[in-house]
């Protein structure tokens, strides 16, 4: 399949829902076609409602983000509301900044882009 990118530098995120095996500990996963923590303060009412609803219903939350835990942009964001945080990293050095802040489960996903070599991908897979 050949890919045509009409907007260089822009990417598409495809999120599917083909069904569920119901074995994940989290019930709600916050992710998207952009980073859910981008300008999070402008969307605080959304998060406040999400946290309130999750707490009331005893639902565990998961967050997908490319902001690392020590990023100044998300310093004040209450990551402690999330049972698991999935960090999307672009380079090996990013791993040095991934850490647990509140005892949450941490998972890392490498985003493979044009800067990575085939050897990099094989190293990650290994």
N, C-alpha and C. Protein backbone atom coordinates (compact mmCIF):
# COMPACT_ATOMS: atom_id res chain seq x y z
N UNK A 1 0.85 -1.17 0.00
CA UNK A 1 0.00 0.00 0.00
C UNK A 1 0.90 1.24 0.00
N UNK A 2 0.64 2.13 -0.89
CA UNK A 2 1.44 3.35 -0.99
C UNK A 2 0.76 4.45 -0.21
N UNK A 3 1.55 5.17 0.57
CA UNK A 3 1.02 6.25 1.40
C UNK A 3 1.31 7.60 0.76
N UNK A 4 0.31 8.45 0.72
CA UNK A 4 0.47 9.81 0.22
C UNK A 4 0.20 10.74 1.38
N UNK A 5 1.17 11.61 1.67
CA UNK A 5 1.01 12.54 2.78
C UNK A 5 0.81 13.94 2.21
N UNK A 6 -0.42 14.42 2.27
CA UNK A 6 -0.73 15.74 1.71
C UNK A 6 -0.12 16.86 2.54
N UNK A 7 0.08 16.64 3.81
CA UNK A 7 0.64 17.64 4.71
C UNK A 7 1.92 17.12 5.33
N UNK A 8 3.08 17.37 4.71
CA UNK A 8 4.34 16.89 5.29
C UNK A 8 4.49 17.36 6.74
N UNK A 9 4.94 16.45 7.58
CA UNK A 9 5.10 16.79 8.99
C UNK A 9 3.85 16.51 9.82
N UNK A 10 2.76 16.17 9.17
CA UNK A 10 1.51 15.84 9.88
C UNK A 10 1.29 14.34 9.79
N UNK A 11 0.74 13.77 10.82
CA UNK A 11 0.52 12.33 10.85
C UNK A 11 -0.92 12.05 11.24
N UNK A 12 -1.35 10.88 10.94
CA UNK A 12 -2.71 10.45 11.25
C UNK A 12 -2.63 9.36 12.30
N UNK A 13 -3.46 9.46 13.30
CA UNK A 13 -3.54 8.43 14.32
C UNK A 13 -4.85 7.67 14.08
N UNK A 14 -4.75 6.36 13.95
CA UNK A 14 -5.93 5.54 13.73
C UNK A 14 -6.19 4.76 15.01
N UNK A 15 -7.34 4.99 15.59
CA UNK A 15 -7.72 4.31 16.82
C UNK A 15 -8.87 3.39 16.47
N UNK A 16 -8.70 2.12 16.76
CA UNK A 16 -9.73 1.14 16.38
C UNK A 16 -10.48 0.66 17.61
N UNK A 17 -11.63 0.11 17.37
CA UNK A 17 -12.38 -0.56 18.41
C UNK A 17 -13.05 -1.77 17.77
N UNK A 18 -12.24 -2.83 17.61
CA UNK A 18 -12.73 -4.05 16.96
C UNK A 18 -13.28 -5.04 17.98
N UNK A 19 -13.36 -4.63 19.20
CA UNK A 19 -13.80 -5.53 20.25
C UNK A 19 -12.77 -5.53 21.36
N UNK A 20 -13.03 -6.25 22.42
CA UNK A 20 -12.15 -6.23 23.58
C UNK A 20 -12.11 -7.61 24.22
N UNK A 21 -10.94 -7.97 24.73
CA UNK A 21 -10.79 -9.25 25.43
C UNK A 21 -11.09 -9.09 26.92
N UNK A 22 -11.33 -7.86 27.39
CA UNK A 22 -11.74 -7.56 28.76
C UNK A 22 -10.76 -8.03 29.82
N UNK A 23 -9.47 -8.03 29.52
CA UNK A 23 -8.49 -8.43 30.52
C UNK A 23 -7.61 -7.27 30.97
N UNK A 24 -7.81 -6.07 30.41
CA UNK A 24 -7.03 -4.91 30.83
C UNK A 24 -7.54 -4.42 32.19
N UNK A 25 -6.63 -4.01 33.07
CA UNK A 25 -7.07 -3.51 34.37
C UNK A 25 -7.73 -2.12 34.26
N UNK A 26 -7.41 -1.38 33.19
CA UNK A 26 -7.98 -0.05 33.02
C UNK A 26 -9.23 -0.16 32.17
N UNK A 27 -10.20 0.64 32.47
CA UNK A 27 -11.45 0.62 31.69
C UNK A 27 -11.50 1.77 30.72
N UNK A 28 -10.85 2.85 31.02
CA UNK A 28 -10.91 4.03 30.17
C UNK A 28 -9.48 4.42 29.81
N UNK A 29 -9.20 4.58 28.51
CA UNK A 29 -7.89 4.96 28.03
C UNK A 29 -8.02 6.32 27.35
N UNK A 30 -7.23 7.30 27.80
CA UNK A 30 -7.27 8.64 27.24
C UNK A 30 -6.11 8.76 26.25
N UNK A 31 -6.44 8.89 24.99
CA UNK A 31 -5.44 9.06 23.94
C UNK A 31 -6.13 9.82 22.81
N UNK A 32 -5.49 9.95 21.68
CA UNK A 32 -6.17 10.63 20.60
C UNK A 32 -5.30 10.87 19.40
N UNK A 33 -5.82 11.64 18.45
CA UNK A 33 -5.10 11.99 17.25
C UNK A 33 -4.09 13.08 17.49
N UNK A 34 -4.06 13.60 18.68
CA UNK A 34 -3.08 14.55 19.16
C UNK A 34 -2.77 14.17 20.58
N UNK A 35 -1.86 14.85 21.23
CA UNK A 35 -1.55 14.49 22.61
C UNK A 35 -2.64 15.01 23.53
N UNK A 36 -3.23 14.16 24.36
CA UNK A 36 -4.30 14.60 25.25
C UNK A 36 -3.85 15.61 26.31
N UNK A 37 -2.52 15.74 26.51
CA UNK A 37 -2.04 16.72 27.48
C UNK A 37 -1.61 18.04 26.83
N UNK A 38 -1.73 18.14 25.52
CA UNK A 38 -1.39 19.38 24.83
C UNK A 38 -2.39 20.46 25.24
N UNK A 39 -1.90 21.52 25.83
CA UNK A 39 -2.75 22.62 26.34
C UNK A 39 -3.83 22.10 27.30
N UNK A 40 -3.45 21.20 28.18
CA UNK A 40 -4.41 20.56 29.06
C UNK A 40 -5.16 21.54 29.96
N UNK A 41 -4.54 22.65 30.30
CA UNK A 41 -5.21 23.62 31.18
C UNK A 41 -6.45 24.22 30.52
N UNK A 42 -6.40 24.34 29.19
CA UNK A 42 -7.55 24.86 28.46
C UNK A 42 -8.72 23.87 28.47
N UNK A 43 -8.44 22.62 28.79
CA UNK A 43 -9.46 21.57 28.77
C UNK A 43 -9.68 21.00 30.17
N UNK A 44 -9.36 21.78 31.18
CA UNK A 44 -9.43 21.29 32.54
C UNK A 44 -10.83 20.82 32.92
N UNK A 45 -11.86 21.48 32.43
CA UNK A 45 -13.23 21.06 32.78
C UNK A 45 -13.49 19.62 32.31
N UNK A 46 -12.92 19.25 31.16
CA UNK A 46 -13.05 17.87 30.69
C UNK A 46 -12.41 16.91 31.69
N UNK A 47 -11.16 17.21 32.08
CA UNK A 47 -10.45 16.32 32.99
C UNK A 47 -11.12 16.27 34.37
N UNK A 48 -11.58 17.40 34.82
CA UNK A 48 -12.27 17.43 36.11
C UNK A 48 -13.50 16.52 36.09
N UNK A 49 -14.26 16.61 35.00
CA UNK A 49 -15.43 15.74 34.85
C UNK A 49 -15.03 14.27 34.73
N UNK A 50 -13.96 14.00 33.98
CA UNK A 50 -13.48 12.62 33.82
C UNK A 50 -13.05 12.04 35.16
N UNK A 51 -12.27 12.79 35.92
CA UNK A 51 -11.79 12.30 37.21
C UNK A 51 -12.94 12.08 38.18
N UNK A 52 -13.89 13.01 38.18
CA UNK A 52 -15.04 12.89 39.08
C UNK A 52 -15.86 11.66 38.72
N UNK A 53 -16.12 11.46 37.44
CA UNK A 53 -16.92 10.32 36.99
C UNK A 53 -16.20 9.00 37.27
N UNK A 54 -14.88 8.96 36.99
CA UNK A 54 -14.11 7.74 37.23
C UNK A 54 -14.11 7.38 38.71
N UNK A 55 -13.93 8.38 39.54
CA UNK A 55 -13.91 8.12 40.99
C UNK A 55 -15.28 7.63 41.46
N UNK A 56 -16.32 8.27 41.00
CA UNK A 56 -17.68 7.90 41.41
C UNK A 56 -18.04 6.48 40.97
N UNK A 57 -17.56 6.08 39.81
CA UNK A 57 -17.87 4.76 39.26
C UNK A 57 -16.78 3.72 39.54
N UNK A 58 -15.74 4.13 40.26
CA UNK A 58 -14.62 3.25 40.59
C UNK A 58 -13.98 2.66 39.33
N UNK A 59 -13.73 3.52 38.35
CA UNK A 59 -13.15 3.13 37.07
C UNK A 59 -11.68 3.53 37.05
N UNK A 60 -10.82 2.63 36.60
CA UNK A 60 -9.39 2.92 36.48
C UNK A 60 -9.12 3.61 35.15
N UNK A 61 -8.17 4.54 35.15
CA UNK A 61 -7.84 5.32 33.96
C UNK A 61 -6.43 5.03 33.47
N UNK A 62 -6.25 5.18 32.15
CA UNK A 62 -4.95 5.06 31.51
C UNK A 62 -4.75 6.30 30.65
N UNK A 63 -3.51 6.81 30.58
CA UNK A 63 -3.18 7.99 29.78
C UNK A 63 -2.09 7.65 28.78
N UNK A 64 -2.27 8.04 27.52
CA UNK A 64 -1.22 7.94 26.50
C UNK A 64 -0.72 9.35 26.22
N UNK A 65 0.59 9.55 26.31
CA UNK A 65 1.15 10.88 26.09
C UNK A 65 2.58 10.80 25.59
N UNK A 66 2.99 11.81 24.86
CA UNK A 66 4.40 11.90 24.47
C UNK A 66 5.14 12.90 25.35
N UNK A 67 4.43 13.54 26.29
CA UNK A 67 5.10 14.39 27.27
C UNK A 67 5.73 13.50 28.33
N UNK A 68 7.00 13.70 28.60
CA UNK A 68 7.67 12.91 29.62
C UNK A 68 7.33 13.47 30.99
N UNK A 69 7.46 12.67 32.05
CA UNK A 69 7.00 13.09 33.38
C UNK A 69 7.62 14.39 33.89
N UNK A 70 8.84 14.71 33.46
CA UNK A 70 9.48 15.93 33.95
C UNK A 70 9.32 17.10 32.97
N UNK A 71 8.47 16.96 31.96
CA UNK A 71 8.24 18.06 31.02
C UNK A 71 7.55 19.21 31.73
N UNK A 72 8.07 20.44 31.56
CA UNK A 72 7.46 21.58 32.24
C UNK A 72 6.00 21.80 31.84
N UNK A 73 5.63 21.39 30.62
CA UNK A 73 4.26 21.60 30.14
C UNK A 73 3.23 20.81 30.94
N UNK A 74 3.66 19.73 31.57
CA UNK A 74 2.70 18.89 32.30
C UNK A 74 3.05 18.73 33.78
N UNK A 75 3.94 19.57 34.25
CA UNK A 75 4.40 19.50 35.64
C UNK A 75 3.25 19.49 36.64
N UNK A 76 2.24 20.31 36.40
CA UNK A 76 1.13 20.45 37.36
C UNK A 76 -0.04 19.52 37.07
N UNK A 77 0.06 18.72 36.03
CA UNK A 77 -1.06 17.83 35.70
C UNK A 77 -1.09 16.66 36.68
N UNK A 78 -2.27 16.32 37.21
CA UNK A 78 -2.37 15.26 38.23
C UNK A 78 -2.32 13.85 37.63
N UNK A 79 -1.12 13.41 37.24
CA UNK A 79 -0.96 12.07 36.69
C UNK A 79 -1.35 10.98 37.70
N UNK A 80 -1.40 11.34 38.96
CA UNK A 80 -1.74 10.36 39.99
C UNK A 80 -3.17 9.84 39.85
N UNK A 81 -3.98 10.45 39.02
CA UNK A 81 -5.34 9.96 38.76
C UNK A 81 -5.34 8.77 37.82
N UNK A 82 -4.20 8.49 37.21
CA UNK A 82 -4.13 7.41 36.23
C UNK A 82 -3.44 6.19 36.80
N UNK A 83 -4.07 5.05 36.62
CA UNK A 83 -3.52 3.77 37.05
C UNK A 83 -2.28 3.42 36.22
N UNK A 84 -2.34 3.76 34.93
CA UNK A 84 -1.23 3.45 34.04
C UNK A 84 -1.01 4.63 33.09
N UNK A 85 0.27 4.94 32.83
CA UNK A 85 0.64 5.97 31.87
C UNK A 85 1.51 5.31 30.81
N UNK A 86 1.14 5.53 29.55
CA UNK A 86 1.88 4.99 28.41
C UNK A 86 2.59 6.16 27.75
N UNK A 87 3.92 6.16 27.82
CA UNK A 87 4.72 7.23 27.23
C UNK A 87 5.12 6.84 25.81
N UNK A 88 4.84 7.70 24.87
CA UNK A 88 5.24 7.49 23.48
C UNK A 88 6.54 8.24 23.27
N UNK A 89 7.64 7.51 23.10
CA UNK A 89 8.96 8.12 22.99
C UNK A 89 9.48 8.02 21.56
N UNK A 90 10.37 8.95 21.21
CA UNK A 90 10.89 9.03 19.85
C UNK A 90 12.36 8.70 19.75
N UNK A 91 13.07 8.68 20.88
CA UNK A 91 14.49 8.38 20.85
C UNK A 91 14.90 7.65 22.12
N UNK A 92 15.99 6.94 22.03
CA UNK A 92 16.43 6.11 23.16
C UNK A 92 16.69 6.94 24.41
N UNK A 93 17.23 8.15 24.24
CA UNK A 93 17.52 9.01 25.39
C UNK A 93 16.27 9.37 26.19
N UNK A 94 15.11 9.33 25.54
CA UNK A 94 13.85 9.62 26.25
C UNK A 94 13.63 8.64 27.40
N UNK A 95 14.15 7.43 27.26
CA UNK A 95 13.97 6.43 28.32
C UNK A 95 14.57 6.88 29.64
N UNK A 96 15.59 7.73 29.59
CA UNK A 96 16.22 8.23 30.82
C UNK A 96 15.28 9.12 31.61
N UNK A 97 14.24 9.64 30.96
CA UNK A 97 13.31 10.56 31.62
C UNK A 97 11.99 9.90 32.01
N UNK A 98 11.80 8.67 31.62
CA UNK A 98 10.57 7.96 31.96
C UNK A 98 10.71 7.40 33.37
N UNK A 99 9.74 7.73 34.21
CA UNK A 99 9.79 7.25 35.60
C UNK A 99 8.39 7.29 36.19
N UNK A 100 8.25 6.57 37.26
CA UNK A 100 6.99 6.60 38.02
C UNK A 100 7.03 7.80 38.95
N UNK A 101 5.93 8.53 38.97
CA UNK A 101 5.84 9.67 39.88
C UNK A 101 4.98 9.33 41.09
N UNK A 102 3.96 8.51 40.88
CA UNK A 102 2.99 8.25 41.94
C UNK A 102 2.71 6.76 42.14
N UNK A 103 3.62 5.90 41.67
CA UNK A 103 3.40 4.47 41.80
C UNK A 103 2.54 3.89 40.68
N UNK A 104 2.27 4.68 39.65
CA UNK A 104 1.46 4.20 38.54
C UNK A 104 2.23 3.16 37.73
N UNK A 105 1.51 2.35 36.98
CA UNK A 105 2.13 1.42 36.04
C UNK A 105 2.63 2.26 34.87
N UNK A 106 3.87 2.01 34.43
CA UNK A 106 4.43 2.78 33.33
C UNK A 106 4.71 1.83 32.17
N UNK A 107 4.32 2.25 31.00
CA UNK A 107 4.59 1.50 29.78
C UNK A 107 5.19 2.47 28.77
N UNK A 108 6.07 1.99 27.92
CA UNK A 108 6.71 2.84 26.91
C UNK A 108 6.43 2.25 25.54
N UNK A 109 6.06 3.13 24.62
CA UNK A 109 5.86 2.77 23.22
C UNK A 109 6.83 3.60 22.40
N UNK A 110 7.64 2.95 21.57
CA UNK A 110 8.52 3.68 20.67
C UNK A 110 7.75 4.09 19.43
N UNK A 111 7.87 5.34 19.06
CA UNK A 111 7.29 5.84 17.83
C UNK A 111 8.39 5.77 16.78
N UNK A 112 8.22 4.91 15.81
CA UNK A 112 9.24 4.73 14.78
C UNK A 112 8.99 5.77 13.69
N UNK A 113 10.02 6.57 13.41
CA UNK A 113 9.90 7.59 12.37
C UNK A 113 11.10 7.53 11.45
N UNK A 114 11.19 8.49 10.55
CA UNK A 114 12.25 8.49 9.54
C UNK A 114 13.65 8.62 10.13
N UNK A 115 13.78 9.07 11.38
CA UNK A 115 15.10 9.24 11.99
C UNK A 115 15.69 7.91 12.47
N UNK A 116 14.88 6.87 12.53
CA UNK A 116 15.36 5.59 13.03
C UNK A 116 15.84 4.72 11.87
N UNK A 117 16.89 3.98 12.16
CA UNK A 117 17.43 3.05 11.16
C UNK A 117 16.79 1.67 11.37
N UNK A 118 17.03 0.80 10.44
CA UNK A 118 16.54 -0.57 10.57
C UNK A 118 17.16 -1.23 11.81
N UNK A 119 18.44 -0.91 12.08
CA UNK A 119 19.11 -1.45 13.27
C UNK A 119 18.44 -0.96 14.55
N UNK A 120 18.02 0.30 14.55
CA UNK A 120 17.30 0.83 15.73
C UNK A 120 16.03 0.03 15.99
N UNK A 121 15.29 -0.22 14.93
CA UNK A 121 14.02 -0.96 15.06
C UNK A 121 14.29 -2.39 15.55
N UNK A 122 15.30 -3.03 15.02
CA UNK A 122 15.64 -4.37 15.47
C UNK A 122 16.10 -4.38 16.93
N UNK A 123 16.82 -3.34 17.34
CA UNK A 123 17.27 -3.21 18.72
C UNK A 123 16.05 -3.07 19.65
N UNK A 124 15.10 -2.23 19.26
CA UNK A 124 13.88 -2.06 20.06
C UNK A 124 13.11 -3.37 20.15
N UNK A 125 12.97 -4.04 19.03
CA UNK A 125 12.23 -5.31 19.00
C UNK A 125 12.90 -6.37 19.87
N UNK A 126 14.25 -6.31 19.96
CA UNK A 126 14.98 -7.29 20.76
C UNK A 126 14.82 -7.02 22.23
